[in-house]
Amino acid sequence: MASIQYLIDSICSSLTVESLYKLVEIEISKGSLGAFKVDDLIPGIQGADRSLDRESALALAQATVEDLAGRGRLRAESGCFYPVK
């Protein structure tokens, strides 16, 4: 998967890497276990940058969770992502 910043630049999004991380934190805070699916991030991403279509928002969501999982901040299990405490 391409880097988050590369995707942001290539689709000319007004979002930042930090704002995408913040959207993940918001999604984590919604659930009792902090679990969420990639698709759960799409409304927040599209709300923050209304110019994005669903596919672009999904690409950003996937790149963000993969980046955070690679950094050891999220873990994937059965299609869901959980915060690593």
C-alpha atoms as a PDB file:
ATOM      1  CA  MET A   1       0.000   0.000   0.000  1.00  0.00           C
ATOM      2  CA  ALA A   2       1.240   3.482  -0.815  1.00  0.00           C
ATOM      3  CA  SER A   3       2.223   5.840   1.959  1.00  0.00           C
ATOM      4  CA  ILE A   4      -0.483   8.010   3.458  1.00  0.00           C
ATOM      5  CA  GLN A   5       1.223  11.247   2.414  1.00  0.00           C
ATOM      6  CA  TYR A   6       1.647  10.000  -1.156  1.00  0.00           C
ATOM      7  CA  LEU A   7      -2.069   9.173  -1.348  1.00  0.00           C
ATOM      8  CA  ILE A   8      -3.043  12.541   0.119  1.00  0.00           C
ATOM      9  CA  ASP A   9      -0.870  14.301  -2.452  1.00  0.00           C
ATOM     10  CA  SER A  10      -1.963  12.178  -5.399  1.00  0.00           C
ATOM     11  CA  ILE A  11      -5.689  12.700  -4.793  1.00  0.00           C
ATOM     12  CA  CYS A  12      -5.189  16.366  -3.851  1.00  0.00           C
ATOM     13  CA  SER A  13      -6.892  15.947  -0.493  1.00  0.00           C
ATOM     14  CA  SER A  14      -6.950  18.714   2.081  1.00  0.00           C
ATOM     15  CA  LEU A  15      -6.427  16.147   4.855  1.00  0.00           C
ATOM     16  CA  THR A  16      -3.144  15.641   6.679  1.00  0.00           C
ATOM     17  CA  VAL A  17      -1.607  12.484   8.067  1.00  0.00           C
ATOM     18  CA  GLU A  18      -2.241  13.844  11.559  1.00  0.00           C
ATOM     19  CA  SER A  19      -5.914  14.486  10.801  1.00  0.00           C
ATOM     20  CA  LEU A  20      -6.315  10.900   9.602  1.00  0.00           C
ATOM     21  CA  TYR A  21      -4.705   9.625  12.801  1.00  0.00           C
ATOM     22  CA  LYS A  22      -7.146  11.800  14.756  1.00  0.00           C
ATOM     23  CA  LEU A  23     -10.105  10.281  12.876  1.00  0.00           C
ATOM     24  CA  VAL A  24      -8.864   6.830  13.932  1.00  0.00           C
ATOM     25  CA  GLU A  25      -8.673   8.009  17.554  1.00  0.00           C
ATOM     26  CA  ILE A  26     -12.239   9.313  17.324  1.00  0.00           C
ATOM     27  CA  GLU A  27     -13.441   5.990  15.919  1.00  0.00           C
ATOM     28  CA  ILE A  28     -11.630   4.076  18.683  1.00  0.00           C
ATOM     29  CA  SER A  29     -13.321   6.221  21.324  1.00  0.00           C
ATOM     30  CA  LYS A  30     -16.797   5.313  19.988  1.00  0.00           C
ATOM     31  CA  GLY A  31     -16.672   1.618  20.858  1.00  0.00           C
ATOM     32  CA  SER A  32     -16.439  -0.040  24.227  1.00  0.00           C
ATOM     33  CA  LEU A  33     -13.504  -2.168  23.061  1.00  0.00           C
ATOM     34  CA  GLY A  34     -12.192   0.444  20.658  1.00  0.00           C
ATOM     35  CA  ALA A  35     -12.817  -1.899  17.736  1.00  0.00           C
ATOM     36  CA  PHE A  36     -13.667  -0.541  14.325  1.00  0.00           C
ATOM     37  CA  LYS A  37     -13.612  -1.585  10.681  1.00  0.00           C
ATOM     38  CA  VAL A  38     -11.901   0.300   7.882  1.00  0.00           C
ATOM     39  CA  ASP A  39     -15.293   1.229   6.415  1.00  0.00           C
ATOM     40  CA  ASP A  40     -16.183   2.985   9.692  1.00  0.00           C
ATOM     41  CA  LEU A  41     -13.579   5.650   8.879  1.00  0.00           C
ATOM     42  CA  ILE A  42     -15.065   6.589   5.498  1.00  0.00           C
ATOM     43  CA  PRO A  43     -17.819   8.951   6.730  1.00  0.00           C
ATOM     44  CA  GLY A  44     -15.333  10.876   8.876  1.00  0.00           C
ATOM     45  CA  ILE A  45     -12.839  11.149   6.034  1.00  0.00           C
ATOM     46  CA  GLN A  46     -15.496  12.296   3.562  1.00  0.00           C
ATOM     47  CA  GLY A  47     -16.875  14.721   6.143  1.00  0.00           C
ATOM     48  CA  ALA A  48     -13.437  16.248   6.617  1.00  0.00           C
ATOM     49  CA  ASP A  49     -12.813  16.519   2.866  1.00  0.00           C
ATOM     50  CA  ARG A  50     -16.086  16.638   0.956  1.00  0.00           C
ATOM     51  CA  SER A  51     -14.306  16.437  -2.403  1.00  0.00           C
ATOM     52  CA  LEU A  52     -13.390  12.771  -1.854  1.00  0.00           C
ATOM     53  CA  ASP A  53     -15.362   9.940  -3.382  1.00  0.00           C
ATOM     54  CA  ARG A  54     -15.855   6.671  -1.518  1.00  0.00           C
ATOM     55  CA  GLU A  55     -12.942   4.888  -3.214  1.00  0.00           C
ATOM     56  CA  SER A  56     -10.487   7.681  -2.367  1.00  0.00           C
ATOM     57  CA  ALA A  57     -11.696   7.802   1.236  1.00  0.00           C
ATOM     58  CA  LEU A  58     -11.377   4.012   1.466  1.00  0.00           C
ATOM     59  CA  ALA A  59      -7.810   4.123   0.109  1.00  0.00           C
ATOM     60  CA  LEU A  60      -6.891   6.715   2.737  1.00  0.00           C
ATOM     61  CA  ALA A  61      -8.573   4.697   5.488  1.00  0.00           C
ATOM     62  CA  GLN A  62      -6.745   1.510   4.478  1.00  0.00           C
ATOM     63  CA  ALA A  63      -3.379   3.240   4.256  1.00  0.00           C
ATOM     64  CA  THR A  64      -3.922   4.849   7.657  1.00  0.00           C
ATOM     65  CA  VAL A  65      -4.819   1.647   9.512  1.00  0.00           C
ATOM     66  CA  GLU A  66      -2.008  -0.250   7.802  1.00  0.00           C
ATOM     67  CA  ASP A  67       0.446   2.458   8.811  1.00  0.00           C
ATOM     68  CA  LEU A  68      -0.759   2.456  12.427  1.00  0.00           C
ATOM     69  CA  ALA A  69      -0.698  -1.352  12.541  1.00  0.00           C
ATOM     70  CA  GLY A  70       2.839  -1.310  11.161  1.00  0.00           C
ATOM     71  CA  ARG A  71       3.833   1.100  13.929  1.00  0.00           C
ATOM     72  CA  GLY A  72       2.333  -1.201  16.537  1.00  0.00           C
ATOM     73  CA  ARG A  73      -0.490   1.186  17.459  1.00  0.00           C
ATOM     74  CA  LEU A  74      -3.311  -0.991  16.065  1.00  0.00           C
ATOM     75  CA  ARG A  75      -3.809  -4.711  15.738  1.00  0.00           C
ATOM     76  CA  ALA A  76      -5.989  -6.438  13.178  1.00  0.00           C
ATOM     77  CA  GLU A  77      -8.284  -9.313  14.075  1.00  0.00           C
ATOM     78  CA  SER A  78     -11.149 -10.768  12.024  1.00  0.00           C
ATOM     79  CA  GLY A  79     -11.525  -7.659   9.864  1.00  0.00           C
ATOM     80  CA  CYS A  80     -11.538  -5.299  12.842  1.00  0.00           C
ATOM     81  CA  PHE A  81      -8.843  -3.029  14.199  1.00  0.00           C
ATOM     82  CA  TYR A  82      -8.159  -2.604  17.890  1.00  0.00           C
ATOM     83  CA  PRO A  83      -5.925  -0.153  19.742  1.00  0.00           C
ATOM     84  CA  VAL A  84      -2.748  -1.587  21.214  1.00  0.00           C
ATOM     85  CA  LYS A  85      -2.482  -0.530  24.807  1.00  0.00           C
END
